[in-house]
N, C-alpha and C. Protein backbone atom coordinates (compact mmCIF):
# COMPACT_ATOMS: atom_id res chain seq x y z
N UNK A 1 -30.24 178.90 29.09
CA UNK A 1 -31.70 178.99 29.05
C UNK A 1 -32.32 177.62 28.80
N UNK A 2 -33.47 177.38 29.37
CA UNK A 2 -34.13 176.10 29.20
C UNK A 2 -34.61 175.95 27.76
N UNK A 3 -34.59 174.69 27.28
CA UNK A 3 -34.98 174.45 25.90
C UNK A 3 -36.44 174.80 25.64
N UNK A 4 -37.26 174.67 26.68
CA UNK A 4 -38.69 174.91 26.50
C UNK A 4 -39.09 176.35 26.83
N UNK A 5 -38.11 177.23 27.01
CA UNK A 5 -38.43 178.62 27.34
C UNK A 5 -39.12 179.28 26.15
N UNK A 6 -40.18 179.96 26.43
CA UNK A 6 -40.94 180.62 25.36
C UNK A 6 -40.42 182.03 25.16
N UNK A 7 -40.35 182.42 23.89
CA UNK A 7 -39.90 183.77 23.55
C UNK A 7 -41.07 184.54 22.95
N UNK A 8 -41.08 185.83 23.22
CA UNK A 8 -42.14 186.69 22.67
C UNK A 8 -41.97 186.83 21.17
N UNK A 9 -43.05 186.62 20.44
CA UNK A 9 -43.02 186.78 18.99
C UNK A 9 -44.25 187.57 18.57
N UNK A 10 -44.04 188.76 18.07
CA UNK A 10 -45.15 189.61 17.68
C UNK A 10 -45.62 189.25 16.28
N UNK A 11 -46.92 188.99 16.15
CA UNK A 11 -47.48 188.62 14.86
C UNK A 11 -48.31 189.79 14.34
N UNK A 12 -47.97 190.28 13.15
CA UNK A 12 -48.69 191.39 12.55
C UNK A 12 -49.08 191.04 11.12
N UNK A 13 -50.18 191.57 10.68
CA UNK A 13 -50.65 191.32 9.33
C UNK A 13 -50.84 192.65 8.60
N UNK A 14 -50.00 192.91 7.64
CA UNK A 14 -50.09 194.14 6.85
C UNK A 14 -49.91 193.79 5.37
N UNK A 15 -50.52 194.58 4.52
CA UNK A 15 -50.35 194.41 3.09
C UNK A 15 -48.91 194.76 2.73
N UNK A 16 -48.16 193.77 2.27
CA UNK A 16 -46.73 193.95 2.04
C UNK A 16 -46.45 195.02 0.99
N UNK A 17 -47.15 194.95 -0.14
CA UNK A 17 -46.91 195.92 -1.21
C UNK A 17 -47.25 197.33 -0.76
N UNK A 18 -48.38 197.48 -0.06
CA UNK A 18 -48.78 198.80 0.42
C UNK A 18 -47.79 199.33 1.45
N UNK A 19 -47.31 198.46 2.32
CA UNK A 19 -46.35 198.87 3.33
C UNK A 19 -45.05 199.35 2.69
N UNK A 20 -44.60 198.64 1.68
CA UNK A 20 -43.36 199.03 1.00
C UNK A 20 -43.51 200.38 0.30
N UNK A 21 -44.66 200.60 -0.35
CA UNK A 21 -44.89 201.88 -1.03
C UNK A 21 -44.96 203.04 -0.03
N UNK A 22 -45.70 202.81 1.07
CA UNK A 22 -45.79 203.85 2.09
C UNK A 22 -44.42 204.14 2.70
N UNK A 23 -43.64 203.09 2.96
CA UNK A 23 -42.31 203.26 3.53
C UNK A 23 -41.43 204.11 2.63
N UNK A 24 -41.50 203.85 1.34
CA UNK A 24 -40.71 204.64 0.38
C UNK A 24 -41.06 206.13 0.48
N UNK A 25 -42.34 206.42 0.50
CA UNK A 25 -42.77 207.83 0.53
C UNK A 25 -42.43 208.49 1.86
N UNK A 26 -42.55 207.76 2.96
CA UNK A 26 -42.17 208.35 4.26
C UNK A 26 -40.67 208.60 4.32
N UNK A 27 -39.90 207.76 3.68
CA UNK A 27 -38.44 208.00 3.63
C UNK A 27 -38.16 209.28 2.86
N UNK A 28 -38.88 209.50 1.76
CA UNK A 28 -38.70 210.73 0.98
C UNK A 28 -39.14 211.96 1.79
N UNK A 29 -40.20 211.81 2.59
CA UNK A 29 -40.65 212.92 3.44
C UNK A 29 -39.57 213.30 4.43
N UNK A 30 -38.93 212.30 5.04
CA UNK A 30 -37.84 212.58 5.98
C UNK A 30 -36.73 213.38 5.30
N UNK A 31 -36.40 213.02 4.08
CA UNK A 31 -35.37 213.76 3.34
C UNK A 31 -35.80 215.21 3.11
N UNK A 32 -37.06 215.39 2.73
CA UNK A 32 -37.56 216.74 2.46
C UNK A 32 -37.58 217.60 3.72
N UNK A 33 -37.72 216.94 4.88
CA UNK A 33 -37.71 217.67 6.15
C UNK A 33 -36.30 218.01 6.61
N UNK A 34 -35.30 217.53 5.87
CA UNK A 34 -33.92 217.83 6.23
C UNK A 34 -33.27 216.79 7.10
N UNK A 35 -33.92 215.63 7.25
CA UNK A 35 -33.37 214.57 8.08
C UNK A 35 -32.57 213.58 7.23
N UNK A 36 -31.79 212.77 7.92
CA UNK A 36 -31.04 211.70 7.29
C UNK A 36 -31.73 210.38 7.61
N UNK A 37 -32.49 209.82 6.66
CA UNK A 37 -33.23 208.58 6.96
C UNK A 37 -32.33 207.36 7.15
N UNK A 38 -31.03 207.53 6.94
CA UNK A 38 -30.12 206.40 7.12
C UNK A 38 -29.48 206.38 8.51
N UNK A 39 -29.71 207.43 9.29
CA UNK A 39 -29.10 207.41 10.62
C UNK A 39 -29.83 206.40 11.50
N UNK A 40 -29.17 205.96 12.54
CA UNK A 40 -29.63 204.82 13.33
C UNK A 40 -31.08 204.94 13.81
N UNK A 41 -31.41 206.11 14.35
CA UNK A 41 -32.75 206.27 14.93
C UNK A 41 -33.87 206.32 13.92
N UNK A 42 -33.53 206.52 12.63
CA UNK A 42 -34.56 206.69 11.61
C UNK A 42 -34.58 205.58 10.56
N UNK A 43 -33.63 204.66 10.63
CA UNK A 43 -33.54 203.63 9.59
C UNK A 43 -34.86 202.88 9.41
N UNK A 44 -35.50 202.52 10.51
CA UNK A 44 -36.74 201.74 10.44
C UNK A 44 -37.99 202.60 10.59
N UNK A 45 -37.82 203.90 10.74
CA UNK A 45 -38.97 204.79 10.95
C UNK A 45 -39.97 204.77 9.79
N UNK A 46 -39.55 204.85 8.53
CA UNK A 46 -40.54 204.81 7.44
C UNK A 46 -41.40 203.54 7.48
N UNK A 47 -40.78 202.42 7.80
CA UNK A 47 -41.51 201.15 7.88
C UNK A 47 -42.48 201.16 9.05
N UNK A 48 -42.03 201.68 10.19
CA UNK A 48 -42.90 201.74 11.37
C UNK A 48 -44.10 202.65 11.12
N UNK A 49 -43.85 203.80 10.51
CA UNK A 49 -44.93 204.75 10.24
C UNK A 49 -45.91 204.16 9.22
N UNK A 50 -45.37 203.45 8.24
CA UNK A 50 -46.24 202.82 7.24
C UNK A 50 -47.20 201.84 7.89
N UNK A 51 -46.71 201.07 8.84
CA UNK A 51 -47.58 200.12 9.55
C UNK A 51 -48.55 200.87 10.47
N UNK A 52 -48.04 201.89 11.15
CA UNK A 52 -48.89 202.65 12.07
C UNK A 52 -50.06 203.31 11.34
N UNK A 53 -49.80 203.87 10.17
CA UNK A 53 -50.86 204.54 9.42
C UNK A 53 -51.92 203.54 8.95
N UNK A 54 -51.49 202.35 8.59
CA UNK A 54 -52.46 201.33 8.19
C UNK A 54 -53.32 200.90 9.38
N UNK A 55 -52.70 200.84 10.56
CA UNK A 55 -53.45 200.50 11.77
C UNK A 55 -54.45 201.60 12.10
N UNK A 56 -54.02 202.84 12.01
CA UNK A 56 -54.87 203.96 12.40
C UNK A 56 -55.96 204.26 11.39
N UNK A 57 -55.87 203.67 10.20
CA UNK A 57 -56.92 203.87 9.19
C UNK A 57 -57.56 202.54 8.79
N UNK A 58 -57.49 201.56 9.66
CA UNK A 58 -58.01 200.23 9.32
C UNK A 58 -59.52 200.20 9.19
N UNK A 59 -60.19 201.26 9.60
CA UNK A 59 -61.64 201.32 9.47
C UNK A 59 -62.11 201.24 8.03
N UNK A 60 -61.24 201.59 7.06
CA UNK A 60 -61.61 201.50 5.65
C UNK A 60 -61.85 200.05 5.22
N UNK A 61 -61.30 199.11 5.96
CA UNK A 61 -61.44 197.69 5.60
C UNK A 61 -62.58 197.01 6.37
N UNK A 62 -63.31 197.79 7.17
CA UNK A 62 -64.38 197.23 7.99
C UNK A 62 -65.74 197.76 7.56
N UNK A 63 -66.76 196.96 7.72
CA UNK A 63 -68.13 197.37 7.41
C UNK A 63 -68.92 197.53 8.70
N UNK A 64 -69.17 198.76 9.13
CA UNK A 64 -69.93 198.97 10.37
C UNK A 64 -71.32 198.35 10.32
N UNK A 65 -71.93 198.35 9.14
CA UNK A 65 -73.26 197.76 9.01
C UNK A 65 -73.23 196.25 9.28
N UNK A 66 -72.22 195.59 8.73
CA UNK A 66 -72.09 194.15 8.96
C UNK A 66 -71.76 193.84 10.42
N UNK A 67 -71.03 194.74 11.06
CA UNK A 67 -70.73 194.57 12.48
C UNK A 67 -72.03 194.52 13.28
N UNK A 68 -72.94 195.43 13.00
CA UNK A 68 -74.23 195.44 13.70
C UNK A 68 -75.06 194.21 13.37
N UNK A 69 -75.07 193.83 12.12
CA UNK A 69 -75.90 192.69 11.69
C UNK A 69 -75.37 191.36 12.24
N UNK A 70 -74.10 191.35 12.63
CA UNK A 70 -73.51 190.09 13.10
C UNK A 70 -74.04 189.68 14.47
N UNK A 71 -74.74 190.57 15.15
CA UNK A 71 -75.27 190.23 16.48
C UNK A 71 -76.63 190.90 16.67
N UNK A 72 -77.58 190.51 15.85
CA UNK A 72 -78.95 191.01 15.95
C UNK A 72 -79.81 190.01 16.72
N UNK A 73 -80.58 190.53 17.68
CA UNK A 73 -81.42 189.65 18.49
C UNK A 73 -82.82 190.25 18.59
N UNK A 74 -83.82 189.42 18.35
CA UNK A 74 -85.21 189.87 18.48
C UNK A 74 -85.53 190.05 19.96
N UNK A 75 -85.97 191.23 20.33
CA UNK A 75 -86.23 191.52 21.74
C UNK A 75 -87.29 192.62 21.84
N UNK A 76 -88.29 192.39 22.68
CA UNK A 76 -89.36 193.37 22.85
C UNK A 76 -88.97 194.35 23.96
N UNK A 77 -88.00 195.18 23.66
CA UNK A 77 -87.52 196.18 24.61
C UNK A 77 -87.53 197.52 23.90
N UNK A 78 -88.26 198.49 24.47
CA UNK A 78 -88.42 199.78 23.78
C UNK A 78 -88.03 200.94 24.67
N UNK A 79 -86.99 200.74 25.46
CA UNK A 79 -86.45 201.82 26.28
C UNK A 79 -85.03 202.14 25.78
N UNK A 80 -84.48 203.18 26.34
CA UNK A 80 -83.18 203.65 25.88
C UNK A 80 -82.06 202.66 26.22
N UNK A 81 -81.21 202.41 25.23
CA UNK A 81 -79.98 201.64 25.43
C UNK A 81 -78.82 202.59 25.20
N UNK A 82 -77.99 202.78 26.22
CA UNK A 82 -76.88 203.74 26.12
C UNK A 82 -75.55 203.04 26.34
N UNK A 83 -74.62 203.30 25.45
CA UNK A 83 -73.22 202.91 25.65
C UNK A 83 -72.42 204.21 25.65
N UNK A 84 -71.90 204.57 26.80
CA UNK A 84 -71.24 205.87 26.90
C UNK A 84 -69.75 205.72 27.20
N UNK A 85 -69.05 206.84 27.04
CA UNK A 85 -67.61 206.89 27.30
C UNK A 85 -66.81 205.90 26.44
N UNK A 86 -67.22 205.77 25.18
CA UNK A 86 -66.48 204.92 24.24
C UNK A 86 -65.27 205.73 23.75
N UNK A 87 -64.09 205.22 24.00
CA UNK A 87 -62.88 205.95 23.61
C UNK A 87 -62.78 206.08 22.09
N UNK A 88 -62.34 207.27 21.66
CA UNK A 88 -62.18 207.55 20.24
C UNK A 88 -60.74 207.98 19.98
N UNK A 89 -60.13 207.36 18.98
CA UNK A 89 -58.82 207.78 18.48
C UNK A 89 -58.96 207.89 16.96
N UNK A 90 -58.94 209.11 16.47
CA UNK A 90 -59.13 209.30 15.04
C UNK A 90 -58.10 210.29 14.51
N UNK A 91 -58.06 210.43 13.18
CA UNK A 91 -57.14 211.37 12.53
C UNK A 91 -57.95 212.41 11.79
N UNK A 92 -57.66 213.66 12.09
CA UNK A 92 -58.30 214.77 11.37
C UNK A 92 -57.84 214.74 9.91
N UNK A 93 -58.77 214.81 8.99
CA UNK A 93 -58.41 214.71 7.58
C UNK A 93 -57.73 215.99 7.05
N UNK A 94 -57.80 217.06 7.80
CA UNK A 94 -57.21 218.32 7.33
C UNK A 94 -55.70 218.38 7.55
N UNK A 95 -55.24 217.88 8.70
CA UNK A 95 -53.81 217.92 9.01
C UNK A 95 -53.23 216.55 9.33
N UNK A 96 -54.09 215.53 9.33
CA UNK A 96 -53.69 214.16 9.67
C UNK A 96 -53.04 214.10 11.04
N UNK A 97 -53.57 214.90 11.96
CA UNK A 97 -53.16 214.85 13.35
C UNK A 97 -54.31 214.23 14.15
N UNK A 98 -54.01 213.61 15.29
CA UNK A 98 -55.06 212.91 16.04
C UNK A 98 -56.09 213.84 16.68
N UNK A 99 -57.31 213.35 16.79
CA UNK A 99 -58.24 213.90 17.77
C UNK A 99 -58.74 212.75 18.61
N UNK A 100 -58.82 213.01 19.90
CA UNK A 100 -59.03 211.96 20.90
C UNK A 100 -60.16 212.38 21.84
N UNK A 101 -61.03 211.43 22.16
CA UNK A 101 -62.12 211.78 23.06
C UNK A 101 -63.00 210.60 23.37
N UNK A 102 -64.29 210.89 23.58
CA UNK A 102 -65.27 209.86 23.94
C UNK A 102 -66.56 210.06 23.16
N UNK A 103 -67.19 208.94 22.84
CA UNK A 103 -68.50 208.97 22.20
C UNK A 103 -69.53 208.40 23.15
N UNK A 104 -70.72 208.98 23.13
CA UNK A 104 -71.86 208.49 23.90
C UNK A 104 -72.96 208.18 22.89
N UNK A 105 -73.40 206.93 22.87
CA UNK A 105 -74.35 206.49 21.85
C UNK A 105 -75.56 205.84 22.51
N UNK A 106 -76.73 206.19 22.01
CA UNK A 106 -77.97 205.58 22.51
C UNK A 106 -78.90 205.26 21.35
N UNK A 107 -79.71 204.23 21.55
CA UNK A 107 -80.78 203.95 20.59
C UNK A 107 -81.95 203.35 21.34
N UNK A 108 -83.12 203.47 20.76
CA UNK A 108 -84.34 202.90 21.33
C UNK A 108 -84.79 201.78 20.38
N UNK A 109 -84.67 200.53 20.81
CA UNK A 109 -84.95 199.39 19.91
C UNK A 109 -86.38 199.39 19.39
N UNK A 110 -86.50 198.79 18.23
CA UNK A 110 -87.82 198.66 17.60
C UNK A 110 -87.99 197.21 17.14
N UNK A 111 -87.91 196.30 18.13
CA UNK A 111 -88.07 194.88 17.82
C UNK A 111 -86.76 194.11 17.83
N UNK A 112 -85.64 194.81 17.61
CA UNK A 112 -84.34 194.14 17.59
C UNK A 112 -83.32 194.95 18.39
N UNK A 113 -82.44 194.22 19.07
CA UNK A 113 -81.30 194.84 19.73
C UNK A 113 -80.03 194.26 19.11
N UNK A 114 -78.91 194.92 19.36
CA UNK A 114 -77.62 194.42 18.89
C UNK A 114 -76.70 194.25 20.09
N UNK A 115 -75.65 193.46 19.93
CA UNK A 115 -74.70 193.28 21.03
C UNK A 115 -74.09 194.61 21.44
N UNK A 116 -73.95 194.84 22.73
CA UNK A 116 -73.43 196.12 23.21
C UNK A 116 -72.04 196.42 22.65
N UNK A 117 -71.21 195.41 22.54
CA UNK A 117 -69.86 195.63 22.02
C UNK A 117 -69.89 196.08 20.57
N UNK A 118 -70.98 195.74 19.85
CA UNK A 118 -71.06 196.12 18.45
C UNK A 118 -71.21 197.63 18.28
N UNK A 119 -71.85 198.27 19.26
CA UNK A 119 -71.95 199.73 19.21
C UNK A 119 -70.56 200.34 19.29
N UNK A 120 -69.75 199.84 20.22
CA UNK A 120 -68.37 200.33 20.36
C UNK A 120 -67.56 200.03 19.11
N UNK A 121 -67.80 198.88 18.50
CA UNK A 121 -67.06 198.51 17.29
C UNK A 121 -67.43 199.39 16.10
N UNK A 122 -68.69 199.81 16.04
CA UNK A 122 -69.12 200.73 14.99
C UNK A 122 -68.40 202.07 15.15
N UNK A 123 -68.35 202.55 16.39
CA UNK A 123 -67.63 203.80 16.66
C UNK A 123 -66.17 203.65 16.24
N UNK A 124 -65.56 202.52 16.57
CA UNK A 124 -64.16 202.28 16.23
C UNK A 124 -63.95 202.24 14.72
N UNK A 125 -64.85 201.57 14.00
CA UNK A 125 -64.70 201.43 12.55
C UNK A 125 -64.75 202.78 11.85
N UNK A 126 -65.65 203.65 12.27
CA UNK A 126 -65.73 204.97 11.65
C UNK A 126 -64.60 205.89 12.12
N UNK A 127 -64.15 205.69 13.37
CA UNK A 127 -63.08 206.54 13.91
C UNK A 127 -61.75 206.28 13.22
N UNK A 128 -61.51 205.00 12.88
CA UNK A 128 -60.22 204.63 12.30
C UNK A 128 -60.19 204.92 10.80
N UNK A 129 -60.53 206.14 10.47
CA UNK A 129 -60.48 206.65 9.10
C UNK A 129 -60.06 208.11 9.19
N UNK A 130 -59.71 208.72 8.07
CA UNK A 130 -59.50 210.16 8.08
C UNK A 130 -60.87 210.80 8.24
N UNK A 131 -61.03 211.63 9.26
CA UNK A 131 -62.35 212.10 9.64
C UNK A 131 -62.35 213.57 10.01
N UNK A 132 -63.55 214.11 10.09
CA UNK A 132 -63.83 215.33 10.85
C UNK A 132 -64.86 214.93 11.90
N UNK A 133 -64.84 215.56 13.04
CA UNK A 133 -65.70 215.12 14.13
C UNK A 133 -67.18 215.22 13.77
N UNK A 134 -67.53 216.25 13.00
CA UNK A 134 -68.93 216.43 12.62
C UNK A 134 -69.44 215.25 11.80
N UNK A 135 -68.64 214.83 10.81
CA UNK A 135 -69.06 213.71 9.96
C UNK A 135 -69.03 212.40 10.72
N UNK A 136 -68.04 212.23 11.60
CA UNK A 136 -67.97 211.02 12.42
C UNK A 136 -69.24 210.84 13.22
N UNK A 137 -69.71 211.92 13.83
CA UNK A 137 -70.95 211.88 14.61
C UNK A 137 -72.13 211.45 13.75
N UNK A 138 -72.20 212.04 12.57
CA UNK A 138 -73.30 211.73 11.64
C UNK A 138 -73.20 210.31 11.10
N UNK A 139 -71.98 209.85 10.80
CA UNK A 139 -71.78 208.50 10.28
C UNK A 139 -72.30 207.44 11.26
N UNK A 140 -71.95 207.62 12.54
CA UNK A 140 -72.36 206.65 13.56
C UNK A 140 -73.87 206.61 13.68
N UNK A 141 -74.48 207.80 13.75
CA UNK A 141 -75.94 207.86 13.88
C UNK A 141 -76.63 207.21 12.69
N UNK A 142 -76.21 207.57 11.47
CA UNK A 142 -76.86 207.05 10.27
C UNK A 142 -76.71 205.53 10.15
N UNK A 143 -75.55 205.03 10.50
CA UNK A 143 -75.31 203.58 10.41
C UNK A 143 -76.27 202.82 11.32
N UNK A 144 -76.40 203.26 12.56
CA UNK A 144 -77.27 202.58 13.52
C UNK A 144 -78.73 202.72 13.11
N UNK A 145 -79.11 203.93 12.69
CA UNK A 145 -80.49 204.18 12.28
C UNK A 145 -80.88 203.34 11.07
N UNK A 146 -80.02 203.31 10.06
CA UNK A 146 -80.34 202.62 8.81
C UNK A 146 -80.24 201.10 8.93
N UNK A 147 -79.39 200.62 9.84
CA UNK A 147 -79.17 199.18 9.96
C UNK A 147 -80.15 198.52 10.93
N UNK A 148 -80.36 199.15 12.07
CA UNK A 148 -81.24 198.57 13.09
C UNK A 148 -82.69 199.03 12.96
N UNK A 149 -82.92 200.14 12.27
CA UNK A 149 -84.25 200.75 12.17
C UNK A 149 -84.89 200.93 13.55
N UNK A 150 -84.17 201.53 14.49
CA UNK A 150 -84.73 201.74 15.83
C UNK A 150 -85.70 202.90 15.85
N UNK A 151 -86.29 203.14 17.01
CA UNK A 151 -87.20 204.27 17.15
C UNK A 151 -86.46 205.60 17.20
N UNK A 152 -85.17 205.54 17.44
CA UNK A 152 -84.36 206.76 17.46
C UNK A 152 -82.93 206.46 17.84
N UNK A 153 -82.03 207.36 17.46
CA UNK A 153 -80.60 207.24 17.77
C UNK A 153 -80.08 208.59 18.24
N UNK A 154 -79.18 208.55 19.22
CA UNK A 154 -78.53 209.76 19.71
C UNK A 154 -77.03 209.51 19.79
N UNK A 155 -76.25 210.48 19.33
CA UNK A 155 -74.79 210.38 19.39
C UNK A 155 -74.23 211.73 19.84
N UNK A 156 -73.39 211.69 20.86
CA UNK A 156 -72.64 212.88 21.29
C UNK A 156 -71.17 212.50 21.35
N UNK A 157 -70.32 213.35 20.79
CA UNK A 157 -68.87 213.13 20.83
C UNK A 157 -68.20 214.35 21.43
N UNK A 158 -67.30 214.10 22.37
CA UNK A 158 -66.48 215.15 22.97
C UNK A 158 -65.02 214.79 22.69
N UNK A 159 -64.27 215.72 22.10
CA UNK A 159 -62.90 215.38 21.71
C UNK A 159 -61.98 216.59 21.76
N UNK A 160 -60.70 216.29 21.93
CA UNK A 160 -59.65 217.28 21.85
C UNK A 160 -58.86 217.04 20.57
N UNK A 161 -58.56 218.11 19.86
CA UNK A 161 -57.94 218.03 18.55
C UNK A 161 -56.50 218.53 18.61
N UNK A 162 -55.58 217.64 18.23
CA UNK A 162 -54.16 218.02 18.25
C UNK A 162 -53.85 219.14 17.27
N UNK A 163 -54.66 219.28 16.21
CA UNK A 163 -54.41 220.35 15.25
C UNK A 163 -54.69 221.72 15.86
N UNK A 164 -55.45 221.76 16.95
CA UNK A 164 -55.68 223.01 17.68
C UNK A 164 -54.73 223.17 18.86
N UNK A 165 -54.10 222.06 19.27
CA UNK A 165 -53.26 222.08 20.47
C UNK A 165 -51.77 222.16 20.13
N UNK A 166 -51.35 221.44 19.10
CA UNK A 166 -49.93 221.37 18.75
C UNK A 166 -49.50 222.44 17.76
N UNK A 167 -50.45 223.00 17.04
CA UNK A 167 -50.14 223.97 15.99
C UNK A 167 -51.26 225.01 15.95
N UNK A 168 -51.18 225.92 14.99
CA UNK A 168 -52.24 226.90 14.81
C UNK A 168 -52.49 227.73 16.05
N UNK A 169 -53.71 227.69 16.55
CA UNK A 169 -54.12 228.54 17.67
C UNK A 169 -53.51 228.07 19.00
N UNK A 170 -53.10 226.79 19.08
CA UNK A 170 -52.42 226.22 20.25
C UNK A 170 -53.19 226.43 21.56
N UNK A 171 -54.44 226.06 21.56
CA UNK A 171 -55.27 226.13 22.75
C UNK A 171 -55.35 224.74 23.38
N UNK A 172 -54.72 224.60 24.54
CA UNK A 172 -54.50 223.28 25.12
C UNK A 172 -55.73 222.67 25.80
N UNK A 173 -56.65 223.49 26.24
CA UNK A 173 -57.77 222.98 27.04
C UNK A 173 -59.11 223.00 26.32
N UNK A 174 -59.09 223.25 25.02
CA UNK A 174 -60.35 223.32 24.27
C UNK A 174 -60.90 221.92 24.01
N UNK A 175 -62.21 221.78 24.12
CA UNK A 175 -62.90 220.52 23.86
C UNK A 175 -64.03 220.80 22.88
N UNK A 176 -64.13 219.99 21.84
CA UNK A 176 -65.18 220.15 20.84
C UNK A 176 -66.27 219.11 21.08
N UNK A 177 -67.52 219.58 21.11
CA UNK A 177 -68.66 218.68 21.31
C UNK A 177 -69.57 218.74 20.09
N UNK A 178 -69.91 217.56 19.57
CA UNK A 178 -70.85 217.47 18.45
C UNK A 178 -71.96 216.51 18.82
N UNK A 179 -73.12 216.68 18.21
CA UNK A 179 -74.25 215.79 18.51
C UNK A 179 -75.11 215.60 17.28
N UNK A 180 -75.82 214.50 17.26
CA UNK A 180 -76.77 214.23 16.18
C UNK A 180 -77.86 213.32 16.74
N UNK A 181 -79.10 213.59 16.34
CA UNK A 181 -80.25 212.85 16.88
C UNK A 181 -81.21 212.48 15.77
N UNK A 182 -81.92 211.39 15.97
CA UNK A 182 -82.97 211.00 15.03
C UNK A 182 -84.16 210.43 15.79
N UNK A 183 -85.30 210.41 15.12
CA UNK A 183 -86.50 209.77 15.66
C UNK A 183 -86.93 210.32 17.01
N UNK A 184 -87.10 209.42 17.98
CA UNK A 184 -87.61 209.79 19.29
C UNK A 184 -86.72 210.80 20.01
N UNK A 185 -85.43 210.82 19.65
CA UNK A 185 -84.52 211.75 20.33
C UNK A 185 -84.66 213.18 19.84
N UNK A 186 -85.46 213.38 18.81
CA UNK A 186 -85.74 214.74 18.38
C UNK A 186 -86.75 215.42 19.32
N UNK A 187 -87.40 214.60 20.17
CA UNK A 187 -88.29 215.16 21.19
C UNK A 187 -87.45 215.66 22.37
N UNK A 188 -87.73 216.83 22.84
CA UNK A 188 -86.93 217.48 23.87
C UNK A 188 -86.81 216.62 25.13
N UNK A 189 -87.89 216.04 25.59
CA UNK A 189 -87.86 215.28 26.84
C UNK A 189 -86.94 214.06 26.73
N UNK A 190 -87.01 213.36 25.61
CA UNK A 190 -86.16 212.18 25.40
C UNK A 190 -84.70 212.58 25.31
N UNK A 191 -84.46 213.66 24.58
CA UNK A 191 -83.08 214.14 24.42
C UNK A 191 -82.50 214.59 25.76
N UNK A 192 -83.31 215.26 26.56
CA UNK A 192 -82.84 215.71 27.88
C UNK A 192 -82.54 214.53 28.80
N UNK A 193 -83.35 213.48 28.72
CA UNK A 193 -83.08 212.28 29.53
C UNK A 193 -81.74 211.67 29.13
N UNK A 194 -81.49 211.60 27.83
CA UNK A 194 -80.22 211.07 27.33
C UNK A 194 -79.04 211.89 27.84
N UNK A 195 -79.14 213.21 27.73
CA UNK A 195 -78.06 214.08 28.18
C UNK A 195 -77.82 213.91 29.68
N UNK A 196 -78.91 213.78 30.44
CA UNK A 196 -78.78 213.60 31.89
C UNK A 196 -78.08 212.28 32.21
N UNK A 197 -78.45 211.23 31.52
CA UNK A 197 -77.88 209.91 31.80
C UNK A 197 -76.40 209.82 31.42
N UNK A 198 -76.00 210.46 30.33
CA UNK A 198 -74.58 210.38 29.96
C UNK A 198 -73.74 211.32 30.83
N UNK A 199 -74.41 212.24 31.51
CA UNK A 199 -73.68 213.15 32.40
C UNK A 199 -73.41 212.52 33.76
N UNK A 200 -74.20 211.49 34.11
CA UNK A 200 -74.01 210.81 35.39
C UNK A 200 -72.72 210.01 35.39
N UNK A 201 -71.97 210.09 36.46
CA UNK A 201 -70.73 209.33 36.56
C UNK A 201 -71.01 207.92 37.07
N UNK A 202 -70.30 206.95 36.51
CA UNK A 202 -70.46 205.56 36.93
C UNK A 202 -69.65 205.33 38.20
N UNK A 203 -70.27 204.74 39.22
CA UNK A 203 -69.60 204.46 40.48
C UNK A 203 -69.52 202.95 40.69
């Protein structure tokens, strides 16, 4: 091999003490499930799961409000701003199984706009916590409303829940839809325009 050949090196940042504690408990869980945590396929599993859980709940270390404030711009625009089809990967707090779907978010500025990516980042920050879909919807709406003080906010989330698909009732094609509205979106005409726009497919 050439001396200057580059090798892949994965760089990860995790709290070492927390990872070690989580790894210990996941190893004990494997034992309680009747598995042998020392067999080849499972030796590193507690460590991997410890890191994965920290990644999937990293929203606890983020401030959605600060995310919005980091890109505030004064702008005299008072029409609907919609960011739709934002992917959601979250964990149901009841069974700690994933629910996966899309969020559609709109707001009507009141003197200030925020970077479009910041809306998606707010959704991500709240999603990467132990959640229920109803509260997630409300969290996103309240954060945008209280931070930007817009004329109104609308949030719709559509998701499939593994706790309904992999266990329990085992309904594979069920989709849960939640919504929350404030300000101008409480008016039927504005809300209907929002629903129509998020229903349109992008070409």
